[in-house]
Amino acid sequence: MEWHPYLLKLLSGAAMTLQLTGTAVVLASCLALPLALVRAYARPAWQWPLRLYISFFRGTPLLAQLFLLYYGSGQFRPELQQLGLWGFFRDPFNCAVLAFTLNSTAYQIEILRGGLQAVPRGEIEAGLAYGMRWSLLLRRIILPHAYRIAWPALGNEIILLLKASAIASVVTLLDVMGQTRRLFASSFDLSVYLWAGLAYLLITYAFIWLWQRFEKRLSRHRPPV
């Protein structure tokens, strides 16, 4: 099996995959933290809209969510044009990033909520006893501990999103899978799918290695078990 005819195309697709996933993960991380704090500490009346959002995006397929945003937005083209948003929604990259962000945010909220609620109550009470304000308590005690707890699960969520990003090819994006489909359509060489799988494997392995390095750095002050 020759790989060199496909290398440049697959590298281009890998760059698109990383751009899609990286943008969505960064945006989702920014949204998930404040929403997780609401989910963990706010009154029930504040939580029910968030619960509906989480239930929808965790309970429906990511492909359906992407279709709703990309194809469904065309049903509201006049309204979107009046709002100046049609230019955003007609771009498949923007729709894919938005779908991935909304989906990943729902999962990250629940992961972080679990981390926040797993922080030992004694540590929080000790901070309060020292007279810490809530903002300082979050920054110095709750969030560092919660992220250490949630870090492996957050890594798994990003890996799942990375692999799920292959569906972006159905809205004409030339990520790894989009380039693979185009190469197969022109060559009918099934080996291109093997190289695509290898590309995803290498990206995933590199991410796991980096994530574990960060996890060790986060836990460097903890005594060995």
Protein backbone atom coordinates (compact mmCIF):
# COMPACT_ATOMS: atom_id res chain seq x y z
CA MET A 1 0.00 0.00 0.00
CA GLU A 2 1.45 3.32 -1.03
CA TRP A 3 0.92 6.16 1.36
CA HIS A 4 2.81 9.02 -0.23
CA PRO A 5 0.07 10.03 -2.74
CA TYR A 6 -2.27 10.62 0.20
CA LEU A 7 0.08 12.25 2.68
CA LEU A 8 -0.47 15.91 1.85
CA LYS A 9 -4.25 15.52 1.63
CA LEU A 10 -4.44 13.67 4.94
CA LEU A 11 -2.18 16.22 6.61
CA SER A 12 -4.46 18.97 5.37
CA GLY A 13 -7.44 17.04 6.70
CA ALA A 14 -5.71 16.51 10.04
CA ALA A 15 -5.13 20.27 10.34
CA MET A 16 -8.84 20.87 9.72
CA THR A 17 -9.79 18.20 12.28
CA LEU A 18 -7.52 19.76 14.90
CA GLN A 19 -8.84 23.24 14.13
CA LEU A 20 -12.45 22.08 14.46
CA THR A 21 -11.91 20.13 17.64
CA GLY A 22 -9.55 22.63 19.27
CA THR A 23 -11.84 25.60 18.65
CA ALA A 24 -14.87 23.72 19.96
CA VAL A 25 -13.04 22.47 23.06
CA VAL A 26 -11.74 25.93 23.98
CA LEU A 27 -15.16 27.53 23.56
CA ALA A 28 -16.87 24.69 25.44
CA SER A 29 -14.39 24.97 28.30
CA CYS A 30 -15.08 28.68 28.66
CA LEU A 31 -18.83 28.07 28.75
CA ALA A 32 -18.80 24.93 30.88
CA LEU A 33 -17.16 26.34 34.01
CA PRO A 34 -19.69 29.07 34.89
CA LEU A 35 -22.58 26.82 33.91
CA ALA A 36 -21.16 23.98 36.04
CA LEU A 37 -21.05 26.36 39.01
CA VAL A 38 -24.73 27.11 38.42
CA ARG A 39 -25.44 23.40 38.08
CA ALA A 40 -23.63 22.61 41.33
CA TYR A 41 -24.55 25.50 43.59
CA ALA A 42 -27.53 27.47 42.23
CA ARG A 43 -31.10 27.12 43.37
CA PRO A 44 -33.25 24.50 41.56
CA ALA A 45 -35.28 27.22 39.81
CA TRP A 46 -32.09 28.42 38.11
CA GLN A 47 -31.09 24.91 37.13
CA TRP A 48 -34.04 23.58 35.18
CA PRO A 49 -33.29 25.42 31.87
CA LEU A 50 -29.72 24.14 32.14
CA ARG A 51 -30.96 20.61 32.77
CA LEU A 52 -33.13 20.79 29.64
CA TYR A 53 -30.15 21.94 27.61
CA ILE A 54 -27.92 19.17 28.96
CA SER A 55 -30.59 16.52 28.43
CA PHE A 56 -31.13 17.55 24.83
CA PHE A 57 -27.49 17.66 23.77
CA ARG A 58 -26.51 14.51 25.66
CA GLY A 59 -29.63 12.61 24.59
CA THR A 60 -29.61 13.28 20.85
CA PRO A 61 -27.00 12.27 18.23
CA LEU A 62 -24.33 14.80 17.37
CA LEU A 63 -25.05 14.20 13.69
CA ALA A 64 -28.67 15.27 14.17
CA GLN A 65 -27.53 18.40 16.01
CA LEU A 66 -25.17 19.29 13.15
CA PHE A 67 -27.92 18.75 10.58
CA LEU A 68 -30.33 20.92 12.58
CA LEU A 69 -27.85 23.80 12.65
CA TYR A 70 -26.51 23.55 9.10
CA TYR A 71 -29.55 22.51 7.09
CA GLY A 72 -32.20 23.72 9.52
CA SER A 73 -30.85 27.27 9.60
CA GLY A 74 -31.71 27.57 5.90
CA GLN A 75 -35.39 27.47 6.86
CA PHE A 76 -34.90 30.76 8.69
CA ARG A 77 -32.72 32.50 6.12
CA PRO A 78 -34.79 35.75 5.92
CA GLU A 79 -34.82 36.12 9.71
CA LEU A 80 -31.11 35.36 9.97
CA GLN A 81 -30.34 37.85 7.20
CA GLN A 82 -32.23 40.55 9.07
CA LEU A 83 -30.18 39.78 12.18
CA GLY A 84 -26.95 39.73 10.19
CA LEU A 85 -26.29 36.09 11.11
CA TRP A 86 -26.82 34.37 7.77
CA GLY A 87 -23.17 34.76 6.84
CA PHE A 88 -22.28 32.76 9.95
CA PHE A 89 -24.78 29.94 9.49
CA ARG A 90 -24.17 29.39 5.79
CA ASP A 91 -20.54 28.50 6.52
CA PRO A 92 -20.26 24.74 7.27
CA PHE A 93 -17.17 25.28 9.43
CA ASN A 94 -19.03 27.70 11.70
CA CYS A 95 -22.00 25.35 12.02
CA ALA A 96 -19.74 22.41 12.82
CA VAL A 97 -17.86 24.39 15.48
CA LEU A 98 -21.15 25.57 17.00
CA ALA A 99 -22.62 22.06 17.06
CA PHE A 100 -19.47 20.58 18.59
CA THR A 101 -19.24 23.40 21.14
CA LEU A 102 -22.84 23.05 22.31
CA ASN A 103 -22.49 19.26 22.52
CA SER A 104 -19.18 19.29 24.38
CA THR A 105 -20.36 22.00 26.75
CA ALA A 106 -23.24 19.79 27.90
CA TYR A 107 -20.86 16.95 28.72
CA GLN A 108 -18.23 19.16 30.33
CA ILE A 109 -20.84 20.77 32.58
CA GLU A 110 -21.74 17.42 34.07
CA ILE A 111 -18.11 16.34 34.38
CA LEU A 112 -17.19 19.55 36.20
CA ARG A 113 -20.31 19.37 38.36
CA GLY A 114 -19.15 15.97 39.55
CA GLY A 115 -15.69 17.37 40.27
CA LEU A 116 -17.10 20.34 42.17
CA GLN A 117 -19.36 18.17 44.30
CA ALA A 118 -16.51 15.76 45.04
CA VAL A 119 -14.37 18.42 46.71
CA PRO A 120 -14.19 17.43 50.40
CA ARG A 121 -16.50 19.52 52.51
CA GLY A 122 -13.81 19.84 55.16
CA GLU A 123 -11.52 21.76 52.80
CA ILE A 124 -14.29 24.24 52.01
CA GLU A 125 -15.11 24.69 55.69
CA ALA A 126 -11.43 25.25 56.46
CA GLY A 127 -11.29 28.01 53.84
CA LEU A 128 -14.40 29.62 55.28
CA ALA A 129 -12.88 29.41 58.76
CA TYR A 130 -9.88 31.38 57.48
CA GLY A 131 -12.29 34.09 56.33
CA MET A 132 -11.92 33.48 52.59
CA ARG A 133 -14.41 35.17 50.31
CA TRP A 134 -16.33 32.89 47.97
CA SER A 135 -14.34 34.07 44.93
CA LEU A 136 -11.04 33.36 46.70
CA LEU A 137 -12.35 30.03 47.96
CA LEU A 138 -13.22 29.03 44.38
CA ARG A 139 -9.85 30.11 43.03
CA ARG A 140 -7.63 28.66 45.73
CA ILE A 141 -9.46 25.54 46.93
CA ILE A 142 -12.54 24.42 45.02
CA LEU A 143 -11.56 24.82 41.37
CA PRO A 144 -8.01 23.40 41.60
CA HIS A 145 -9.31 20.34 43.43
CA ALA A 146 -12.34 19.94 41.13
CA TYR A 147 -10.21 20.09 37.99
CA ARG A 148 -7.78 17.51 39.37
CA ILE A 149 -10.73 15.19 39.96
CA ALA A 150 -12.38 15.88 36.60
CA TRP A 151 -9.20 15.97 34.49
CA PRO A 152 -9.23 12.33 33.25
CA ALA A 153 -12.94 12.50 32.36
CA LEU A 154 -12.42 15.81 30.54
CA GLY A 155 -9.66 14.18 28.53
CA ASN A 156 -11.96 11.32 27.57
CA GLU A 157 -14.62 13.81 26.45
CA ILE A 158 -12.15 15.62 24.20
CA ILE A 159 -11.01 12.32 22.67
CA LEU A 160 -14.63 11.35 21.97
CA LEU A 161 -15.24 14.74 20.36
CA LEU A 162 -12.09 14.38 18.26
CA LYS A 163 -13.30 11.08 16.85
CA ALA A 164 -16.88 12.30 16.47
CA SER A 165 -15.62 15.27 14.45
CA ALA A 166 -15.43 12.88 11.48
CA ILE A 167 -19.11 13.62 10.88
CA ALA A 168 -18.12 17.14 9.76
CA SER A 169 -17.38 15.60 6.38
CA VAL A 170 -21.13 15.22 5.75
CA VAL A 171 -21.44 19.02 5.53
CA THR A 172 -18.64 19.19 2.94
CA LEU A 173 -15.76 19.99 5.31
CA LEU A 174 -12.45 18.46 4.24
CA ASP A 175 -11.25 17.14 7.56
CA VAL A 176 -9.48 13.79 7.76
CA MET A 177 -12.62 11.87 6.84
CA GLY A 178 -13.65 14.40 4.21
CA GLN A 179 -10.27 14.12 2.49
CA THR A 180 -10.46 10.34 2.78
CA ARG A 181 -13.84 10.20 1.09
CA ARG A 182 -12.60 12.44 -1.71
CA LEU A 183 -9.46 10.34 -2.21
CA PHE A 184 -11.46 7.12 -2.28
CA ALA A 185 -13.94 8.59 -4.79
CA SER A 186 -11.06 9.34 -7.17
CA SER A 187 -8.94 6.21 -6.63
CA PHE A 188 -11.26 3.47 -5.24
CA ASP A 189 -8.34 2.47 -3.05
CA LEU A 190 -9.68 1.11 0.24
CA SER A 191 -6.28 1.49 1.87
CA VAL A 192 -6.91 5.22 2.20
CA TYR A 193 -9.36 4.43 5.03
CA LEU A 194 -6.59 2.53 6.79
CA TRP A 195 -4.34 5.58 6.59
CA ALA A 196 -7.19 7.76 7.83
CA GLY A 197 -7.65 5.46 10.83
CA LEU A 198 -3.92 5.65 11.48
CA ALA A 199 -4.08 9.45 11.35
CA TYR A 200 -6.82 9.51 14.01
CA LEU A 201 -4.83 7.03 16.10
CA LEU A 202 -1.68 9.16 15.99
CA ILE A 203 -3.57 12.34 16.85
CA THR A 204 -5.32 10.61 19.74
CA TYR A 205 -2.09 9.10 21.08
CA ALA A 206 -0.32 12.47 20.94
CA PHE A 207 -3.22 14.11 22.78
CA ILE A 208 -3.27 11.41 25.48
CA TRP A 209 0.48 11.86 26.03
CA LEU A 210 0.11 15.63 26.43
CA TRP A 211 -2.97 15.32 28.64
CA GLN A 212 -1.20 12.90 30.98
CA ARG A 213 1.75 15.31 31.24
CA PHE A 214 -0.63 18.07 32.31
CA GLU A 215 -2.34 15.70 34.74
CA LYS A 216 0.99 14.93 36.41
CA ARG A 217 1.72 18.63 36.63
CA LEU A 218 -1.64 19.30 38.27
CA SER A 219 -0.99 16.55 40.81
CA ARG A 220 2.69 17.27 41.45
CA HIS A 221 2.02 18.48 45.02
CA ARG A 222 -0.06 15.47 46.00
CA PRO A 223 1.69 12.75 48.01
CA PRO A 224 2.16 9.41 46.18
CA VAL A 225 -0.49 6.81 46.85
